[in-house]
Amino acid sequence: MDNTKNKNEYDDMLQEGILAMETPVGWSSICLDQTIDYYIECNSITLNHNDDSKNLSN
């Protein structure tokens, strides 16, 4: 029953244009790009740290 209520509320907001005003165009793609860049950078730092540790132990 909650799903029907939520769908009706969603449909009402969609018809009124409320949802279109909530999310700026392109926000999700920018967020995704920044998230991917962050994890690539973190992985790069981790790999460099691991390589440095191996070189020190040799």
PDB file of N, CA and C in Angstrom:
ATOM      1  N   MET A   1       0.823  -1.183   0.000  1.00  0.00           N
ATOM      2  CA  MET A   1       0.000   0.000   0.000  1.00  0.00           C
ATOM      3  C   MET A   1       0.874   1.256   0.000  1.00  0.00           C
ATOM      4  N   ASP A   2       2.001   1.221   0.684  1.00  0.00           N
ATOM      5  CA  ASP A   2       2.903   2.365   0.712  1.00  0.00           C
ATOM      6  C   ASP A   2       3.457   2.675  -0.672  1.00  0.00           C
ATOM      7  N   ASN A   3       3.705   1.621  -1.477  1.00  0.00           N
ATOM      8  CA  ASN A   3       4.230   1.835  -2.819  1.00  0.00           C
ATOM      9  C   ASN A   3       3.263   2.637  -3.672  1.00  0.00           C
ATOM     10  N   THR A   4       1.986   2.363  -3.535  1.00  0.00           N
ATOM     11  CA  THR A   4       0.975   3.093  -4.296  1.00  0.00           C
ATOM     12  C   THR A   4       0.946   4.550  -3.865  1.00  0.00           C
ATOM     13  N   LYS A   5       1.021   4.773  -2.563  1.00  0.00           N
ATOM     14  CA  LYS A   5       1.028   6.143  -2.045  1.00  0.00           C
ATOM     15  C   LYS A   5       2.257   6.892  -2.553  1.00  0.00           C
ATOM     16  N   ASN A   6       3.420   6.251  -2.489  1.00  0.00           N
ATOM     17  CA  ASN A   6       4.647   6.885  -2.964  1.00  0.00           C
ATOM     18  C   ASN A   6       4.590   7.175  -4.457  1.00  0.00           C
ATOM     19  N   LYS A   7       4.046   6.234  -5.229  1.00  0.00           N
ATOM     20  CA  LYS A   7       3.936   6.439  -6.673  1.00  0.00           C
ATOM     21  C   LYS A   7       3.005   7.597  -6.971  1.00  0.00           C
ATOM     22  N   ASN A   8       1.897   7.689  -6.252  1.00  0.00           N
ATOM     23  CA  ASN A   8       0.965   8.793  -6.466  1.00  0.00           C
ATOM     24  C   ASN A   8       1.614  10.129  -6.126  1.00  0.00           C
ATOM     25  N   GLU A   9       2.374  10.178  -5.029  1.00  0.00           N
ATOM     26  CA  GLU A   9       3.071  11.407  -4.659  1.00  0.00           C
ATOM     27  C   GLU A   9       4.118  11.772  -5.710  1.00  0.00           C
ATOM     28  N   TYR A  10       4.821  10.769  -6.204  1.00  0.00           N
ATOM     29  CA  TYR A  10       5.821  10.996  -7.249  1.00  0.00           C
ATOM     30  C   TYR A  10       5.159  11.543  -8.504  1.00  0.00           C
ATOM     31  N   ASP A  11       4.048  10.923  -8.918  1.00  0.00           N
ATOM     32  CA  ASP A  11       3.328  11.375 -10.107  1.00  0.00           C
ATOM     33  C   ASP A  11       2.835  12.808  -9.943  1.00  0.00           C
ATOM     34  N   ASP A  12       2.340  13.133  -8.750  1.00  0.00           N
ATOM     35  CA  ASP A  12       1.869  14.497  -8.491  1.00  0.00           C
ATOM     36  C   ASP A  12       3.015  15.497  -8.606  1.00  0.00           C
ATOM     37  N   MET A  13       4.159  15.172  -8.015  1.00  0.00           N
ATOM     38  CA  MET A  13       5.305  16.080  -8.072  1.00  0.00           C
ATOM     39  C   MET A  13       5.823  16.211  -9.497  1.00  0.00           C
ATOM     40  N   LEU A  14       5.795  15.109 -10.244  1.00  0.00           N
ATOM     41  CA  LEU A  14       6.266  15.127 -11.625  1.00  0.00           C
ATOM     42  C   LEU A  14       5.379  16.025 -12.471  1.00  0.00           C
ATOM     43  N   GLN A  15       4.077  15.918 -12.285  1.00  0.00           N
ATOM     44  CA  GLN A  15       3.136  16.737 -13.050  1.00  0.00           C
ATOM     45  C   GLN A  15       3.268  18.214 -12.702  1.00  0.00           C
ATOM     46  N   GLU A  16       3.580  18.525 -11.475  1.00  0.00           N
ATOM     47  CA  GLU A  16       3.714  19.917 -11.055  1.00  0.00           C
ATOM     48  C   GLU A  16       5.083  20.495 -11.411  1.00  0.00           C
ATOM     49  N   GLY A  17       5.994  19.667 -11.904  1.00  0.00           N
ATOM     50  CA  GLY A  17       7.319  20.141 -12.277  1.00  0.00           C
ATOM     51  C   GLY A  17       8.254  20.313 -11.092  1.00  0.00           C
ATOM     52  N   ILE A  18       7.856  19.824  -9.938  1.00  0.00           N
ATOM     53  CA  ILE A  18       8.675  19.988  -8.734  1.00  0.00           C
ATOM     54  C   ILE A  18       9.983  19.214  -8.855  1.00  0.00           C
ATOM     55  N   LEU A  19       9.911  18.004  -9.395  1.00  0.00           N
ATOM     56  CA  LEU A  19      11.122  17.185  -9.489  1.00  0.00           C
ATOM     57  C   LEU A  19      12.133  17.781 -10.456  1.00  0.00           C
ATOM     58  N   ALA A  20      11.670  18.436 -11.499  1.00  0.00           N
ATOM     59  CA  ALA A  20      12.582  19.045 -12.463  1.00  0.00           C
ATOM     60  C   ALA A  20      13.392  20.157 -11.816  1.00  0.00           C
ATOM     61  N   MET A  21      12.835  20.809 -10.823  1.00  0.00           N
ATOM     62  CA  MET A  21      13.523  21.905 -10.154  1.00  0.00           C
ATOM     63  C   MET A  21      14.471  21.396  -9.072  1.00  0.00           C
ATOM     64  N   GLU A  22      14.324  20.173  -8.633  1.00  0.00           N
ATOM     65  CA  GLU A  22      15.116  19.633  -7.531  1.00  0.00           C
ATOM     66  C   GLU A  22      16.561  19.348  -7.914  1.00  0.00           C
ATOM     67  N   THR A  23      16.792  18.799  -9.097  1.00  0.00           N
ATOM     68  CA  THR A  23      18.127  18.356  -9.478  1.00  0.00           C
ATOM     69  C   THR A  23      18.630  19.166 -10.663  1.00  0.00           C
ATOM     70  N   PRO A  24      19.723  19.893 -10.493  1.00  0.00           N
ATOM     71  CA  PRO A  24      20.278  20.630 -11.628  1.00  0.00           C
ATOM     72  C   PRO A  24      20.725  19.670 -12.727  1.00  0.00           C
ATOM     73  N   VAL A  25      20.632  20.097 -13.958  1.00  0.00           N
ATOM     74  CA  VAL A  25      21.022  19.267 -15.093  1.00  0.00           C
ATOM     75  C   VAL A  25      22.513  18.967 -15.007  1.00  0.00           C
ATOM     76  N   GLY A  26      22.871  17.714 -15.173  1.00  0.00           N
ATOM     77  CA  GLY A  26      24.262  17.317 -15.183  1.00  0.00           C
ATOM     78  C   GLY A  26      24.879  17.075 -13.819  1.00  0.00           C
ATOM     79  N   TRP A  27      24.131  17.290 -12.754  1.00  0.00           N
ATOM     80  CA  TRP A  27      24.706  17.124 -11.418  1.00  0.00           C
ATOM     81  C   TRP A  27      25.198  15.705 -11.206  1.00  0.00           C
ATOM     82  N   SER A  28      24.410  14.722 -11.592  1.00  0.00           N
ATOM     83  CA  SER A  28      24.790  13.341 -11.306  1.00  0.00           C
ATOM     84  C   SER A  28      26.041  12.932 -12.080  1.00  0.00           C
ATOM     85  N   SER A  29      26.182  13.400 -13.308  1.00  0.00           N
ATOM     86  CA  SER A  29      27.372  13.031 -14.075  1.00  0.00           C
ATOM     87  C   SER A  29      28.619  13.689 -13.500  1.00  0.00           C
ATOM     88  N   ILE A  30      28.484  14.922 -13.027  1.00  0.00           N
ATOM     89  CA  ILE A  30      29.621  15.597 -12.395  1.00  0.00           C
ATOM     90  C   ILE A  30      30.008  14.874 -11.112  1.00  0.00           C
ATOM     91  N   CYS A  31      29.019  14.505 -10.328  1.00  0.00           N
ATOM     92  CA  CYS A  31      29.276  13.791  -9.074  1.00  0.00           C
ATOM     93  C   CYS A  31      29.956  12.456  -9.356  1.00  0.00           C
ATOM     94  N   LEU A  32      29.472  11.747 -10.354  1.00  0.00           N
ATOM     95  CA  LEU A  32      30.066  10.456 -10.707  1.00  0.00           C
ATOM     96  C   LEU A  32      31.513  10.636 -11.150  1.00  0.00           C
ATOM     97  N   ASP A  33      31.771  11.627 -11.993  1.00  0.00           N
ATOM     98  CA  ASP A  33      33.141  11.882 -12.447  1.00  0.00           C
ATOM     99  C   ASP A  33      34.072  12.192 -11.281  1.00  0.00           C
ATOM    100  N   GLN A  34      33.614  13.024 -10.360  1.00  0.00           N
ATOM    101  CA  GLN A  34      34.443  13.372  -9.208  1.00  0.00           C
ATOM    102  C   GLN A  34      34.683  12.166  -8.313  1.00  0.00           C
ATOM    103  N   THR A  35      33.679  11.321  -8.170  1.00  0.00           N
ATOM    104  CA  THR A  35      33.823  10.116  -7.354  1.00  0.00           C
ATOM    105  C   THR A  35      34.834   9.163  -7.979  1.00  0.00           C
ATOM    106  N   ILE A  36      34.737   8.976  -9.285  1.00  0.00           N
ATOM    107  CA  ILE A  36      35.680   8.099  -9.984  1.00  0.00           C
ATOM    108  C   ILE A  36      37.099   8.646  -9.864  1.00  0.00           C
ATOM    109  N   ASP A  37      37.264   9.955 -10.082  1.00  0.00           N
ATOM    110  CA  ASP A  37      38.591  10.570  -9.948  1.00  0.00           C
ATOM    111  C   ASP A  37      39.155  10.380  -8.546  1.00  0.00           C
ATOM    112  N   TYR A  38      38.300  10.534  -7.543  1.00  0.00           N
ATOM    113  CA  TYR A  38      38.736  10.371  -6.151  1.00  0.00           C
ATOM    114  C   TYR A  38      39.276   8.958  -5.917  1.00  0.00           C
ATOM    115  N   TYR A  39      38.526   7.949  -6.360  1.00  0.00           N
ATOM    116  CA  TYR A  39      38.958   6.571  -6.122  1.00  0.00           C
ATOM    117  C   TYR A  39      40.184   6.207  -6.950  1.00  0.00           C
ATOM    118  N   ILE A  40      40.297   6.747  -8.152  1.00  0.00           N
ATOM    119  CA  ILE A  40      41.499   6.502  -8.948  1.00  0.00           C
ATOM    120  C   ILE A  40      42.712   7.089  -8.237  1.00  0.00           C
ATOM    121  N   GLU A  41      42.559   8.311  -7.722  1.00  0.00           N
ATOM    122  CA  GLU A  41      43.662   8.948  -6.999  1.00  0.00           C
ATOM    123  C   GLU A  41      44.020   8.158  -5.742  1.00  0.00           C
ATOM    124  N   CYS A  42      43.014   7.709  -4.999  1.00  0.00           N
ATOM    125  CA  CYS A  42      43.281   6.922  -3.785  1.00  0.00           C
ATOM    126  C   CYS A  42      43.995   5.622  -4.118  1.00  0.00           C
ATOM    127  N   ASN A  43      43.567   4.948  -5.184  1.00  0.00           N
ATOM    128  CA  ASN A  43      44.217   3.705  -5.591  1.00  0.00           C
ATOM    129  C   ASN A  43      45.654   3.960  -6.020  1.00  0.00           C
ATOM    130  N   SER A  44      45.878   5.070  -6.717  1.00  0.00           N
ATOM    131  CA  SER A  44      47.226   5.416  -7.156  1.00  0.00           C
ATOM    132  C   SER A  44      48.139   5.655  -5.965  1.00  0.00           C
ATOM    133  N   ILE A  45      47.647   6.378  -4.982  1.00  0.00           N
ATOM    134  CA  ILE A  45      48.432   6.645  -3.770  1.00  0.00           C
ATOM    135  C   ILE A  45      48.735   5.342  -3.037  1.00  0.00           C
ATOM    136  N   THR A  46      47.738   4.474  -2.934  1.00  0.00           N
ATOM    137  CA  THR A  46      47.924   3.189  -2.255  1.00  0.00           C
ATOM    138  C   THR A  46      48.946   2.331  -2.986  1.00  0.00           C
ATOM    139  N   LEU A  47      48.849   2.277  -4.318  1.00  0.00           N
ATOM    140  CA  LEU A  47      49.811   1.486  -5.092  1.00  0.00           C
ATOM    141  C   LEU A  47      51.222   2.034  -4.941  1.00  0.00           C
ATOM    142  N   ASN A  48      51.362   3.349  -4.982  1.00  0.00           N
ATOM    143  CA  ASN A  48      52.687   3.950  -4.799  1.00  0.00           C
ATOM    144  C   ASN A  48      53.230   3.665  -3.407  1.00  0.00           C
ATOM    145  N   HIS A  49      52.375   3.716  -2.419  1.00  0.00           N
ATOM    146  CA  HIS A  49      52.800   3.437  -1.045  1.00  0.00           C
ATOM    147  C   HIS A  49      53.240   1.984  -0.915  1.00  0.00           C
ATOM    148  N   ASN A  50      52.481   1.068  -1.519  1.00  0.00           N
ATOM    149  CA  ASN A  50      52.842  -0.352  -1.468  1.00  0.00           C
ATOM    150  C   ASN A  50      54.168  -0.607  -2.178  1.00  0.00           C
ATOM    151  N   ASP A  51      54.379   0.054  -3.329  1.00  0.00           N
ATOM    152  CA  ASP A  51      55.645  -0.096  -4.054  1.00  0.00           C
ATOM    153  C   ASP A  51      56.814   0.420  -3.226  1.00  0.00           C
ATOM    154  N   ASP A  52      56.609   1.563  -2.580  1.00  0.00           N
ATOM    155  CA  ASP A  52      57.664   2.122  -1.728  1.00  0.00           C
ATOM    156  C   ASP A  52      57.990   1.182  -0.570  1.00  0.00           C
ATOM    157  N   SER A  53      56.965   0.582   0.014  1.00  0.00           N
ATOM    158  CA  SER A  53      57.179  -0.349   1.129  1.00  0.00           C
ATOM    159  C   SER A  53      57.956  -1.580   0.673  1.00  0.00           C
ATOM    160  N   LYS A  54      57.645  -2.085  -0.518  1.00  0.00           N
ATOM    161  CA  LYS A  54      58.358  -3.245  -1.050  1.00  0.00           C
ATOM    162  C   LYS A  54      59.818  -2.901  -1.319  1.00  0.00           C
ATOM    163  N   ASN A  55      60.049  -1.708  -1.863  1.00  0.00           N
ATOM    164  CA  ASN A  55      61.426  -1.292  -2.162  1.00  0.00           C
ATOM    165  C   ASN A  55      62.244  -1.130  -0.890  1.00  0.00           C
ATOM    166  N   LEU A  56      61.625  -0.656   0.164  1.00  0.00           N
ATOM    167  CA  LEU A  56      62.338  -0.488   1.428  1.00  0.00           C
ATOM    168  C   LEU A  56      62.676  -1.826   2.072  1.00  0.00           C
ATOM    169  N   SER A  57      61.814  -2.808   1.892  1.00  0.00           N
ATOM    170  CA  SER A  57      62.048  -4.111   2.516  1.00  0.00           C
ATOM    171  C   SER A  57      63.084  -4.928   1.750  1.00  0.00           C
ATOM    172  N   ASN A  58      63.343  -4.562   0.500  1.00  0.00           N
ATOM    173  CA  ASN A  58      64.338  -5.294  -0.301  1.00  0.00           C
ATOM    174  C   ASN A  58      65.662  -4.755  -0.012  1.00  0.00           C
TER     175      ASN A  58
END
